[in-house]
């Protein structure tokens, strides 16, 4: 069954080395799961790199059986069988029976042709699976009221066609697994991923990790791992919880005023970085013991979110963050994820074309 992992990463700009281009392509398709620091490209990419580089790229339509691939790549036939299974799953390779043996070819007769076929299949399946996911997400006009953070995470998602349901899991559990949200190792009957997603999908407001942990009766660290995978896939984003900033600034300001005084607050405490009127209002309120959470919120209304974050940090606090579904409804989320998928597919096509050109030049 078709299943591929998309891992967005910087393109190998300017490189014409077939090994570098192939390494990038295999890695961005999730075909290389581990690396060793300081290894050469061949050592780092391992078996699957050697198979593609020394057989399928050299003669895409020769019709390679496992024995021939084993001879050219130096792998055992069992190892070849396992790697060819991965290549067929992602759609780069097809096989057919020729006499007594199954022979393998690079689809389309070139890497660019194979990647084009993979890209069409990937997007079609992704659109179908995301439409299914979007039906679970409630519509909310309040959810996107605050601007989210610019995500610096690399886009990462699995795309797989529907398969048989396993015992103890429902359709949504299977869908989240096919999208890679449950992770690579999940125990049978573990429904945490679905429960975290359902909490977020039904909420109008961002939810903290602790809230998600409490509602699912799980540890905060386990809930966080699910949320981070949802963020990687572009389904969830992180947002600063403005309504809690004033409370945390008030608590930090009063605590530091009592412990360290006005001079520290104006210096290392961060008030000196604010506009003079804002700093005076906060300091006078602390001095006269007339501050409240509501008063702090009113004073900080004209201060940018970045400046509020910095003030909170210098007062010894941490910016309160929440997590939310990254769209007002399911259609918004699907569009966002598909945009990320399209960007990654464009990179695949570009690198595959460049790889074919590099192989042609090296053969001259």
Foldseek 3Di string as FASTA:
>chain_A
DAKWKAWDDDFPPPDLDLLVLVLVLCVRRVNQDDADPPDDSCVGRDDLSLLCVFPCQQWQPPFAFLVNSCVRSVHDSVVSVVSVVVCVNLQQKDWDDDPPTITIGGPPRALLNRLVVSLVVQLVQLLVLLVVVQVLADFEPQQCPAPFDDDPAIAMWMGDHDDDDDPQDDPVRRSCVNGCLCDDDDDPNDCLLVQLVNVQRHDSYFAALVRSCVVSVHDSVVSVSSQVNCVSLQFKTKHFDLLCLLVLLVVLLLVCCVVPNDVCCCPLLLLVVDPPVLSVQSNVCSVVVNDDSVNSSVSCVPPDPVSSQVNSVSSPHHGDMGMHGPDSGSVRSSVRSSVSSVVSSVSSSVSRVSSSVSSVVVVD
